[in-house]
Amino acid sequence: MTLSDLASNLVKILPISFLLAWACLLLLVDLWIPEKRKGWTAFLAAMGLILTLVISLIKAGSVETGFAGMTVMDGFAVFLDVVFLGSGLFGVALAYDYLKRMGLERGEYYVLLLFSVAGMMLMSLAADLSAAVKAGPREHQDLVDAALYVGQWLSERGVPGRWDRVRPTEVLRCL
């Protein structure tokens, strides 16, 4: 894949590319926002979600494939993008007041929310979702390892239960 191929593929998934770039920029900008003004981070996160929504709606009429046919930007993907971006906006609105009341205002929450929404949007572009479900043995092992790490974390934090004797699938069900 050449650099021009990569650029054309990133344009085909422009809403996700924009949201990821916005999230990275927001992470850097948040470093210079004073503690008393962390509400600006929520505002900037909402602006990024709104701008991404506009970009998604602009691309609504076309069908494009990218990354050697692994992604398809079609009407269904745009519909899911609107749902995910709307959920992200709802999450920002709900969290703003709650985080302020609890004294937990941190910019990282909004950045993680943007990365999560971008991941959801990327899954909606997958041309073959069965490829995501039919993960090979190595990918499945990574999921099991993640479940074991969560179990270890829960046992270290004193969460009731025998996490050292629980199967990884049971840890995943607890989440």
N, C-alpha and C. Protein backbone atom coordinates (compact mmCIF):
# COMPACT_ATOMS: atom_id res chain seq x y z
N MET A 1 0.84 -1.17 0.00
CA MET A 1 0.00 0.00 0.00
C MET A 1 0.89 1.24 0.00
N THR A 2 0.68 2.08 -0.96
CA THR A 2 1.46 3.31 -1.05
C THR A 2 0.84 4.38 -0.19
N LEU A 3 1.56 5.48 -0.07
CA LEU A 3 1.06 6.59 0.73
C LEU A 3 -0.19 7.21 0.13
N SER A 4 -0.28 7.25 -1.20
CA SER A 4 -1.48 7.80 -1.84
C SER A 4 -2.68 6.86 -1.63
N ASP A 5 -2.43 5.54 -1.62
CA ASP A 5 -3.51 4.59 -1.32
C ASP A 5 -4.02 4.79 0.11
N LEU A 6 -3.09 4.97 1.02
CA LEU A 6 -3.48 5.19 2.41
C LEU A 6 -4.29 6.47 2.55
N ALA A 7 -3.85 7.53 1.88
CA ALA A 7 -4.58 8.80 1.95
C ALA A 7 -5.98 8.67 1.38
N SER A 8 -6.12 7.96 0.24
CA SER A 8 -7.46 7.80 -0.34
C SER A 8 -8.34 6.92 0.54
N ASN A 9 -7.76 5.93 1.20
CA ASN A 9 -8.54 5.09 2.12
C ASN A 9 -8.98 5.86 3.35
N LEU A 10 -8.11 6.73 3.88
CA LEU A 10 -8.47 7.53 5.04
C LEU A 10 -9.56 8.54 4.70
N VAL A 11 -9.58 9.02 3.46
CA VAL A 11 -10.65 9.92 3.03
C VAL A 11 -11.97 9.16 2.93
N LYS A 12 -11.90 7.90 2.56
CA LYS A 12 -13.13 7.09 2.46
C LYS A 12 -13.76 6.86 3.83
N ILE A 13 -12.94 6.83 4.86
CA ILE A 13 -13.48 6.72 6.21
C ILE A 13 -13.27 8.06 6.94
N LEU A 14 -13.53 9.14 6.26
CA LEU A 14 -13.26 10.49 6.76
C LEU A 14 -13.89 10.79 8.11
N PRO A 15 -15.15 10.41 8.37
CA PRO A 15 -15.68 10.72 9.70
C PRO A 15 -14.86 10.12 10.84
N ILE A 16 -14.42 8.88 10.67
CA ILE A 16 -13.63 8.25 11.72
C ILE A 16 -12.25 8.89 11.81
N SER A 17 -11.65 9.16 10.66
CA SER A 17 -10.34 9.80 10.65
C SER A 17 -10.40 11.15 11.35
N PHE A 18 -11.45 11.91 11.06
CA PHE A 18 -11.61 13.23 11.68
C PHE A 18 -11.80 13.10 13.19
N LEU A 19 -12.67 12.16 13.61
CA LEU A 19 -12.93 12.01 15.04
C LEU A 19 -11.68 11.56 15.80
N LEU A 20 -10.90 10.67 15.22
CA LEU A 20 -9.67 10.24 15.87
C LEU A 20 -8.66 11.38 15.97
N ALA A 21 -8.54 12.16 14.91
CA ALA A 21 -7.64 13.32 14.95
C ALA A 21 -8.11 14.33 15.99
N TRP A 22 -9.43 14.54 16.05
CA TRP A 22 -10.00 15.48 17.02
C TRP A 22 -9.73 15.00 18.45
N ALA A 23 -9.88 13.69 18.69
CA ALA A 23 -9.65 13.14 20.03
C ALA A 23 -8.18 13.30 20.43
N CYS A 24 -7.26 13.06 19.51
CA CYS A 24 -5.84 13.24 19.81
C CYS A 24 -5.53 14.70 20.10
N LEU A 25 -6.10 15.59 19.32
CA LEU A 25 -5.90 17.02 19.54
C LEU A 25 -6.51 17.45 20.87
N LEU A 26 -7.69 16.93 21.19
CA LEU A 26 -8.33 17.27 22.46
C LEU A 26 -7.50 16.79 23.64
N LEU A 27 -6.88 15.64 23.51
CA LEU A 27 -6.02 15.14 24.57
C LEU A 27 -4.85 16.09 24.83
N LEU A 28 -4.30 16.65 23.77
CA LEU A 28 -3.21 17.62 23.94
C LEU A 28 -3.71 18.96 24.46
N VAL A 29 -4.83 19.43 23.94
CA VAL A 29 -5.37 20.72 24.37
C VAL A 29 -5.76 20.68 25.84
N ASP A 30 -6.26 19.53 26.29
CA ASP A 30 -6.69 19.40 27.68
C ASP A 30 -5.54 19.63 28.66
N LEU A 31 -4.33 19.41 28.23
CA LEU A 31 -3.19 19.65 29.12
C LEU A 31 -3.07 21.10 29.53
N TRP A 32 -3.51 22.02 28.66
CA TRP A 32 -3.38 23.44 28.93
C TRP A 32 -4.66 24.09 29.43
N ILE A 33 -5.70 23.33 29.62
CA ILE A 33 -6.95 23.88 30.17
C ILE A 33 -6.84 23.82 31.69
N PRO A 34 -7.05 24.97 32.36
CA PRO A 34 -6.91 24.98 33.83
C PRO A 34 -7.96 24.08 34.50
N GLU A 35 -7.66 23.66 35.72
CA GLU A 35 -8.55 22.75 36.46
C GLU A 35 -9.95 23.32 36.62
N LYS A 36 -10.06 24.61 36.82
CA LYS A 36 -11.37 25.24 37.05
C LYS A 36 -12.20 25.36 35.77
N ARG A 37 -11.58 25.13 34.61
CA ARG A 37 -12.28 25.30 33.33
C ARG A 37 -12.33 24.01 32.52
N LYS A 38 -12.43 22.87 33.18
CA LYS A 38 -12.47 21.59 32.46
C LYS A 38 -13.77 21.41 31.67
N GLY A 39 -14.73 22.29 31.90
CA GLY A 39 -15.95 22.26 31.10
C GLY A 39 -15.68 22.52 29.63
N TRP A 40 -14.58 23.20 29.35
CA TRP A 40 -14.20 23.45 27.96
C TRP A 40 -13.89 22.14 27.23
N THR A 41 -13.35 21.19 27.96
CA THR A 41 -13.06 19.90 27.35
C THR A 41 -14.34 19.22 26.90
N ALA A 42 -15.37 19.31 27.73
CA ALA A 42 -16.67 18.73 27.36
C ALA A 42 -17.23 19.45 26.14
N PHE A 43 -17.11 20.76 26.12
CA PHE A 43 -17.60 21.54 24.98
C PHE A 43 -16.85 21.17 23.70
N LEU A 44 -15.54 21.05 23.79
CA LEU A 44 -14.76 20.69 22.61
C LEU A 44 -15.05 19.26 22.14
N ALA A 45 -15.30 18.35 23.09
CA ALA A 45 -15.67 16.99 22.72
C ALA A 45 -17.01 16.98 21.99
N ALA A 46 -17.96 17.75 22.49
CA ALA A 46 -19.26 17.84 21.83
C ALA A 46 -19.13 18.47 20.45
N MET A 47 -18.27 19.47 20.32
CA MET A 47 -18.04 20.08 19.00
C MET A 47 -17.46 19.06 18.02
N GLY A 48 -16.52 18.25 18.49
CA GLY A 48 -15.94 17.22 17.63
C GLY A 48 -16.98 16.22 17.18
N LEU A 49 -17.87 15.83 18.10
CA LEU A 49 -18.93 14.88 17.73
C LEU A 49 -19.91 15.51 16.74
N ILE A 50 -20.24 16.78 16.93
CA ILE A 50 -21.16 17.45 16.01
C ILE A 50 -20.54 17.60 14.63
N LEU A 51 -19.26 18.00 14.58
CA LEU A 51 -18.59 18.13 13.28
C LEU A 51 -18.48 16.78 12.57
N THR A 52 -18.22 15.73 13.33
CA THR A 52 -18.16 14.39 12.74
C THR A 52 -19.53 13.98 12.23
N LEU A 53 -20.58 14.35 12.94
CA LEU A 53 -21.94 14.06 12.49
C LEU A 53 -22.23 14.76 11.17
N VAL A 54 -21.80 16.00 11.05
CA VAL A 54 -21.99 16.74 9.79
C VAL A 54 -21.23 16.05 8.65
N ILE A 55 -20.00 15.65 8.90
CA ILE A 55 -19.22 14.96 7.87
C ILE A 55 -19.89 13.66 7.47
N SER A 56 -20.41 12.92 8.44
CA SER A 56 -21.10 11.66 8.13
C SER A 56 -22.34 11.91 7.28
N LEU A 57 -23.08 12.94 7.60
CA LEU A 57 -24.29 13.24 6.84
C LEU A 57 -23.97 13.72 5.43
N ILE A 58 -22.85 14.39 5.26
CA ILE A 58 -22.43 14.82 3.92
C ILE A 58 -22.10 13.61 3.06
N LYS A 59 -21.52 12.58 3.65
CA LYS A 59 -21.15 11.38 2.90
C LYS A 59 -22.32 10.40 2.76
N ALA A 60 -23.52 10.81 3.15
CA ALA A 60 -24.67 9.89 3.25
C ALA A 60 -25.09 9.30 1.91
N GLY A 61 -24.99 9.98 0.81
CA GLY A 61 -25.53 9.49 -0.44
C GLY A 61 -24.66 8.52 -1.21
N SER A 62 -23.43 8.36 -0.80
CA SER A 62 -22.50 7.56 -1.61
C SER A 62 -22.21 6.21 -0.96
N VAL A 63 -21.74 5.28 -1.78
CA VAL A 63 -21.28 3.97 -1.30
C VAL A 63 -19.82 3.85 -1.71
N GLU A 64 -18.94 3.73 -0.70
CA GLU A 64 -17.51 3.65 -0.96
C GLU A 64 -16.92 2.47 -0.20
N THR A 65 -16.00 1.79 -0.84
CA THR A 65 -15.26 0.73 -0.15
C THR A 65 -13.81 1.17 -0.01
N GLY A 66 -13.19 0.73 1.04
CA GLY A 66 -11.81 1.09 1.28
C GLY A 66 -11.05 -0.03 1.93
N PHE A 67 -9.76 0.15 2.03
CA PHE A 67 -8.86 -0.81 2.65
C PHE A 67 -9.07 -2.21 2.08
N ALA A 68 -8.96 -2.30 0.75
CA ALA A 68 -9.07 -3.57 0.01
C ALA A 68 -10.40 -4.27 0.27
N GLY A 69 -11.46 -3.48 0.36
CA GLY A 69 -12.79 -4.05 0.52
C GLY A 69 -13.15 -4.41 1.95
N MET A 70 -12.32 -4.06 2.92
CA MET A 70 -12.62 -4.40 4.31
C MET A 70 -13.62 -3.44 4.94
N THR A 71 -13.74 -2.21 4.41
CA THR A 71 -14.70 -1.24 4.94
C THR A 71 -15.65 -0.82 3.82
N VAL A 72 -16.89 -0.59 4.20
CA VAL A 72 -17.90 -0.11 3.27
C VAL A 72 -18.65 1.04 3.93
N MET A 73 -18.60 2.21 3.32
CA MET A 73 -19.35 3.37 3.81
C MET A 73 -20.62 3.45 2.97
N ASP A 74 -21.73 2.98 3.55
CA ASP A 74 -23.01 3.01 2.85
C ASP A 74 -24.06 3.63 3.75
N GLY A 75 -25.31 3.54 3.34
CA GLY A 75 -26.39 4.15 4.10
C GLY A 75 -26.54 3.59 5.49
N PHE A 76 -26.37 2.27 5.62
CA PHE A 76 -26.49 1.65 6.94
C PHE A 76 -25.37 2.11 7.86
N ALA A 77 -24.17 2.23 7.33
CA ALA A 77 -23.04 2.71 8.13
C ALA A 77 -23.28 4.14 8.59
N VAL A 78 -23.83 4.96 7.70
CA VAL A 78 -24.13 6.35 8.07
C VAL A 78 -25.20 6.39 9.16
N PHE A 79 -26.23 5.54 9.03
CA PHE A 79 -27.27 5.46 10.05
C PHE A 79 -26.67 5.11 11.41
N LEU A 80 -25.80 4.09 11.43
CA LEU A 80 -25.17 3.70 12.69
C LEU A 80 -24.24 4.79 13.21
N ASP A 81 -23.56 5.49 12.30
CA ASP A 81 -22.73 6.62 12.72
C ASP A 81 -23.56 7.67 13.44
N VAL A 82 -24.73 7.97 12.90
CA VAL A 82 -25.62 8.96 13.52
C VAL A 82 -26.05 8.47 14.91
N VAL A 83 -26.38 7.19 15.02
CA VAL A 83 -26.77 6.64 16.32
C VAL A 83 -25.61 6.73 17.32
N PHE A 84 -24.42 6.32 16.89
CA PHE A 84 -23.26 6.33 17.80
C PHE A 84 -22.86 7.75 18.18
N LEU A 85 -22.87 8.66 17.22
CA LEU A 85 -22.50 10.04 17.52
C LEU A 85 -23.54 10.70 18.42
N GLY A 86 -24.81 10.39 18.19
CA GLY A 86 -25.86 10.91 19.07
C GLY A 86 -25.71 10.36 20.48
N SER A 87 -25.36 9.09 20.60
CA SER A 87 -25.12 8.50 21.92
C SER A 87 -23.92 9.17 22.59
N GLY A 88 -22.90 9.47 21.81
CA GLY A 88 -21.74 10.17 22.36
C GLY A 88 -22.09 11.55 22.86
N LEU A 89 -22.90 12.27 22.10
CA LEU A 89 -23.36 13.60 22.55
C LEU A 89 -24.18 13.48 23.83
N PHE A 90 -25.03 12.47 23.88
CA PHE A 90 -25.83 12.23 25.07
C PHE A 90 -24.93 11.92 26.26
N GLY A 91 -23.89 11.13 26.03
CA GLY A 91 -22.93 10.80 27.09
C GLY A 91 -22.18 12.01 27.60
N VAL A 92 -21.80 12.90 26.69
CA VAL A 92 -21.11 14.14 27.10
C VAL A 92 -22.06 15.00 27.93
N ALA A 93 -23.31 15.12 27.48
CA ALA A 93 -24.28 15.95 28.21
C ALA A 93 -24.56 15.40 29.60
N LEU A 94 -24.71 14.08 29.70
CA LEU A 94 -24.98 13.48 31.01
C LEU A 94 -23.78 13.59 31.94
N ALA A 95 -22.60 13.37 31.40
CA ALA A 95 -21.40 13.33 32.24
C ALA A 95 -20.98 14.72 32.70
N TYR A 96 -21.28 15.74 31.93
CA TYR A 96 -20.80 17.09 32.26
C TYR A 96 -21.23 17.49 33.67
N ASP A 97 -22.52 17.44 33.94
CA ASP A 97 -23.02 17.86 35.24
C ASP A 97 -22.60 16.89 36.34
N TYR A 98 -22.68 15.59 36.04
CA TYR A 98 -22.33 14.59 37.04
C TYR A 98 -20.88 14.72 37.48
N LEU A 99 -19.97 14.81 36.52
CA LEU A 99 -18.55 14.92 36.86
C LEU A 99 -18.27 16.21 37.63
N LYS A 100 -18.99 17.27 37.30
CA LYS A 100 -18.80 18.54 38.01
C LYS A 100 -19.29 18.42 39.45
N ARG A 101 -20.47 17.81 39.65
CA ARG A 101 -21.01 17.65 41.00
C ARG A 101 -20.13 16.78 41.87
N MET A 102 -19.57 15.73 41.31
CA MET A 102 -18.75 14.80 42.09
C MET A 102 -17.30 15.24 42.22
N GLY A 103 -16.94 16.32 41.57
CA GLY A 103 -15.55 16.79 41.63
C GLY A 103 -14.59 15.89 40.88
N LEU A 104 -15.09 15.24 39.84
CA LEU A 104 -14.28 14.29 39.06
C LEU A 104 -13.96 14.82 37.67
N GLU A 105 -14.00 16.11 37.49
CA GLU A 105 -13.79 16.65 36.15
C GLU A 105 -12.37 16.33 35.67
N ARG A 106 -12.31 15.48 34.68
CA ARG A 106 -11.05 15.10 34.05
C ARG A 106 -11.29 15.09 32.55
N GLY A 107 -10.36 15.58 31.82
CA GLY A 107 -10.51 15.61 30.38
C GLY A 107 -10.40 14.25 29.73
N GLU A 108 -9.78 13.31 30.44
CA GLU A 108 -9.57 11.99 29.86
C GLU A 108 -10.89 11.28 29.58
N TYR A 109 -11.91 11.54 30.37
CA TYR A 109 -13.20 10.89 30.15
C TYR A 109 -13.72 11.20 28.76
N TYR A 110 -13.67 12.45 28.39
CA TYR A 110 -14.22 12.85 27.10
C TYR A 110 -13.38 12.31 25.94
N VAL A 111 -12.08 12.25 26.13
CA VAL A 111 -11.21 11.69 25.09
C VAL A 111 -11.48 10.20 24.92
N LEU A 112 -11.62 9.48 26.03
CA LEU A 112 -11.95 8.05 25.95
C LEU A 112 -13.31 7.84 25.30
N LEU A 113 -14.24 8.72 25.57
CA LEU A 113 -15.56 8.63 24.94
C LEU A 113 -15.44 8.79 23.42
N LEU A 114 -14.63 9.75 22.99
CA LEU A 114 -14.44 9.96 21.54
C LEU A 114 -13.77 8.75 20.90
N PHE A 115 -12.77 8.18 21.55
CA PHE A 115 -12.13 6.99 21.00
C PHE A 115 -13.11 5.81 20.95
N SER A 116 -13.96 5.69 21.96
CA SER A 116 -14.95 4.62 21.97
C SER A 116 -15.94 4.77 20.83
N VAL A 117 -16.42 5.98 20.62
CA VAL A 117 -17.36 6.23 19.53
C VAL A 117 -16.69 5.95 18.19
N ALA A 118 -15.43 6.33 18.04
CA ALA A 118 -14.71 6.05 16.79
C ALA A 118 -14.59 4.54 16.57
N GLY A 119 -14.35 3.79 17.61
CA GLY A 119 -14.28 2.33 17.49
C GLY A 119 -15.62 1.74 17.07
N MET A 120 -16.70 2.26 17.64
CA MET A 120 -18.04 1.79 17.24
C MET A 120 -18.31 2.11 15.78
N MET A 121 -17.91 3.30 15.37
CA MET A 121 -18.11 3.70 13.98
C MET A 121 -17.30 2.81 13.04
N LEU A 122 -16.10 2.45 13.45
CA LEU A 122 -15.27 1.58 12.62
C LEU A 122 -15.90 0.19 12.48
N MET A 123 -16.48 -0.31 13.55
CA MET A 123 -17.16 -1.61 13.47
C MET A 123 -18.36 -1.54 12.53
N SER A 124 -19.04 -0.39 12.47
CA SER A 124 -20.19 -0.28 11.57
C SER A 124 -19.76 -0.26 10.10
N LEU A 125 -18.50 0.06 9.85
CA LEU A 125 -18.00 0.08 8.47
C LEU A 125 -17.48 -1.27 8.00
N ALA A 126 -17.38 -2.23 8.91
CA ALA A 126 -16.81 -3.53 8.54
C ALA A 126 -17.65 -4.17 7.44
N ALA A 127 -17.00 -4.56 6.36
CA ALA A 127 -17.70 -5.17 5.23
C ALA A 127 -18.16 -6.57 5.57
N ASP A 128 -17.44 -7.26 6.45
CA ASP A 128 -17.77 -8.64 6.78
C ASP A 128 -17.67 -8.78 8.30
N LEU A 129 -18.80 -8.63 8.98
CA LEU A 129 -18.78 -8.70 10.43
C LEU A 129 -18.45 -10.10 10.92
N SER A 130 -18.67 -11.09 10.08
CA SER A 130 -18.32 -12.44 10.53
C SER A 130 -16.82 -12.57 10.73
N ALA A 131 -16.04 -11.75 10.05
CA ALA A 131 -14.59 -11.75 10.27
C ALA A 131 -14.27 -11.26 11.67
N ALA A 132 -15.07 -10.33 12.18
CA ALA A 132 -14.84 -9.84 13.54
C ALA A 132 -15.28 -10.88 14.57
N VAL A 133 -16.32 -11.64 14.25
CA VAL A 133 -16.83 -12.64 15.20
C VAL A 133 -15.98 -13.90 15.17
N LYS A 134 -15.61 -14.34 13.98
CA LYS A 134 -14.82 -15.57 13.83
C LYS A 134 -13.34 -15.27 14.03
N ALA A 135 -13.00 -14.81 15.21
CA ALA A 135 -11.60 -14.49 15.47
C ALA A 135 -10.79 -15.77 15.56
N GLY A 136 -9.59 -15.68 15.08
CA GLY A 136 -8.71 -16.85 15.13
C GLY A 136 -8.26 -17.14 16.54
N PRO A 137 -7.51 -18.20 16.71
CA PRO A 137 -7.09 -18.61 18.06
C PRO A 137 -6.29 -17.53 18.79
N ARG A 138 -5.42 -16.82 18.09
CA ARG A 138 -4.60 -15.80 18.75
C ARG A 138 -5.46 -14.63 19.24
N GLU A 139 -6.38 -14.19 18.42
CA GLU A 139 -7.23 -13.08 18.82
C GLU A 139 -8.11 -13.48 20.00
N HIS A 140 -8.61 -14.73 19.96
CA HIS A 140 -9.42 -15.22 21.07
C HIS A 140 -8.59 -15.30 22.34
N GLN A 141 -7.34 -15.68 22.22
CA GLN A 141 -6.47 -15.77 23.39
C GLN A 141 -6.25 -14.39 24.00
N ASP A 142 -6.15 -13.35 23.16
CA ASP A 142 -6.00 -12.00 23.69
C ASP A 142 -7.20 -11.60 24.52
N LEU A 143 -8.41 -11.99 24.07
CA LEU A 143 -9.62 -11.68 24.82
C LEU A 143 -9.62 -12.41 26.16
N VAL A 144 -9.19 -13.65 26.17
CA VAL A 144 -9.11 -14.42 27.41
C VAL A 144 -8.08 -13.80 28.34
N ASP A 145 -6.94 -13.39 27.80
CA ASP A 145 -5.92 -12.74 28.62
C ASP A 145 -6.47 -11.46 29.24
N ALA A 146 -7.21 -10.69 28.47
CA ALA A 146 -7.79 -9.45 29.00
C ALA A 146 -8.74 -9.77 30.14
N ALA A 147 -9.53 -10.82 30.01
CA ALA A 147 -10.45 -11.20 31.08
C ALA A 147 -9.68 -11.61 32.34
N LEU A 148 -8.57 -12.31 32.17
CA LEU A 148 -7.76 -12.70 33.33
C LEU A 148 -7.15 -11.48 34.01
N TYR A 149 -6.71 -10.49 33.22
CA TYR A 149 -6.17 -9.27 33.80
C TYR A 149 -7.24 -8.53 34.60
N VAL A 150 -8.45 -8.50 34.09
CA VAL A 150 -9.54 -7.85 34.81
C VAL A 150 -9.82 -8.60 36.11
N GLY A 151 -9.81 -9.94 36.05
CA GLY A 151 -10.01 -10.72 37.26
C GLY A 151 -8.94 -10.44 38.30
N GLN A 152 -7.68 -10.34 37.87
CA GLN A 152 -6.59 -10.02 38.78
C GLN A 152 -6.78 -8.63 39.38
N TRP A 153 -7.21 -7.69 38.56
CA TRP A 153 -7.44 -6.32 39.03
C TRP A 153 -8.55 -6.30 40.07
N LEU A 154 -9.63 -7.06 39.83
CA LEU A 154 -10.73 -7.11 40.77
C LEU A 154 -10.30 -7.72 42.10
N SER A 155 -9.49 -8.76 42.06
CA SER A 155 -9.05 -9.39 43.31
C SER A 155 -8.11 -8.47 44.08
N GLU A 156 -7.29 -7.69 43.39
CA GLU A 156 -6.39 -6.76 44.07
C GLU A 156 -7.15 -5.62 44.73
N ARG A 157 -8.31 -5.26 44.18
CA ARG A 157 -9.10 -4.16 44.72
C ARG A 157 -10.05 -4.61 45.83
N GLY A 158 -10.01 -5.91 46.16
CA GLY A 158 -10.83 -6.40 47.25
C GLY A 158 -12.28 -6.64 46.87
N VAL A 159 -12.57 -6.76 45.59
CA VAL A 159 -13.94 -7.06 45.16
C VAL A 159 -14.26 -8.48 45.61
N PRO A 160 -15.40 -8.66 46.30
CA PRO A 160 -15.72 -10.00 46.81
C PRO A 160 -15.77 -11.04 45.70
N GLY A 161 -15.26 -12.20 45.98
CA GLY A 161 -15.28 -13.28 45.02
C GLY A 161 -13.92 -13.97 44.95
N ARG A 162 -13.91 -15.15 44.44
CA ARG A 162 -12.68 -15.92 44.27
C ARG A 162 -12.23 -15.76 42.83
N TRP A 163 -11.63 -14.64 42.50
CA TRP A 163 -11.26 -14.32 41.12
C TRP A 163 -10.14 -15.20 40.62
N ASP A 164 -9.38 -15.79 41.53
CA ASP A 164 -8.30 -16.66 41.09
C ASP A 164 -8.81 -18.03 40.63
N ARG A 165 -10.05 -18.37 40.97
CA ARG A 165 -10.61 -19.66 40.59
C ARG A 165 -11.75 -19.53 39.58
N VAL A 166 -11.88 -18.39 38.98
CA VAL A 166 -12.97 -18.14 38.03
C VAL A 166 -12.43 -18.29 36.61
N ARG A 167 -13.25 -18.91 35.76
CA ARG A 167 -12.86 -19.03 34.36
C ARG A 167 -12.97 -17.67 33.69
N PRO A 168 -12.14 -17.41 32.68
CA PRO A 168 -12.17 -16.12 31.99
C PRO A 168 -13.54 -15.76 31.43
N THR A 169 -14.28 -16.73 30.95
CA THR A 169 -15.60 -16.41 30.39
C THR A 169 -16.54 -15.88 31.47
N GLU A 170 -16.36 -16.36 32.71
CA GLU A 170 -17.18 -15.85 33.81
C GLU A 170 -16.79 -14.43 34.16
N VAL A 171 -15.50 -14.10 34.06
CA VAL A 171 -15.07 -12.72 34.29
C VAL A 171 -15.69 -11.80 33.24
N LEU A 172 -15.69 -12.25 31.99
CA LEU A 172 -16.28 -11.44 30.93
C LEU A 172 -17.77 -11.22 31.18
N ARG A 173 -18.46 -12.24 31.69
CA ARG A 173 -19.88 -12.09 31.98
C ARG A 173 -20.12 -11.09 33.10
N CYS A 174 -19.21 -10.98 34.05
CA CYS A 174 -19.36 -10.04 35.16
C CYS A 174 -19.23 -8.59 34.70
N LEU A 175 -18.55 -8.38 33.61
CA LEU A 175 -18.36 -7.03 33.12
C LEU A 175 -19.59 -6.57 32.40
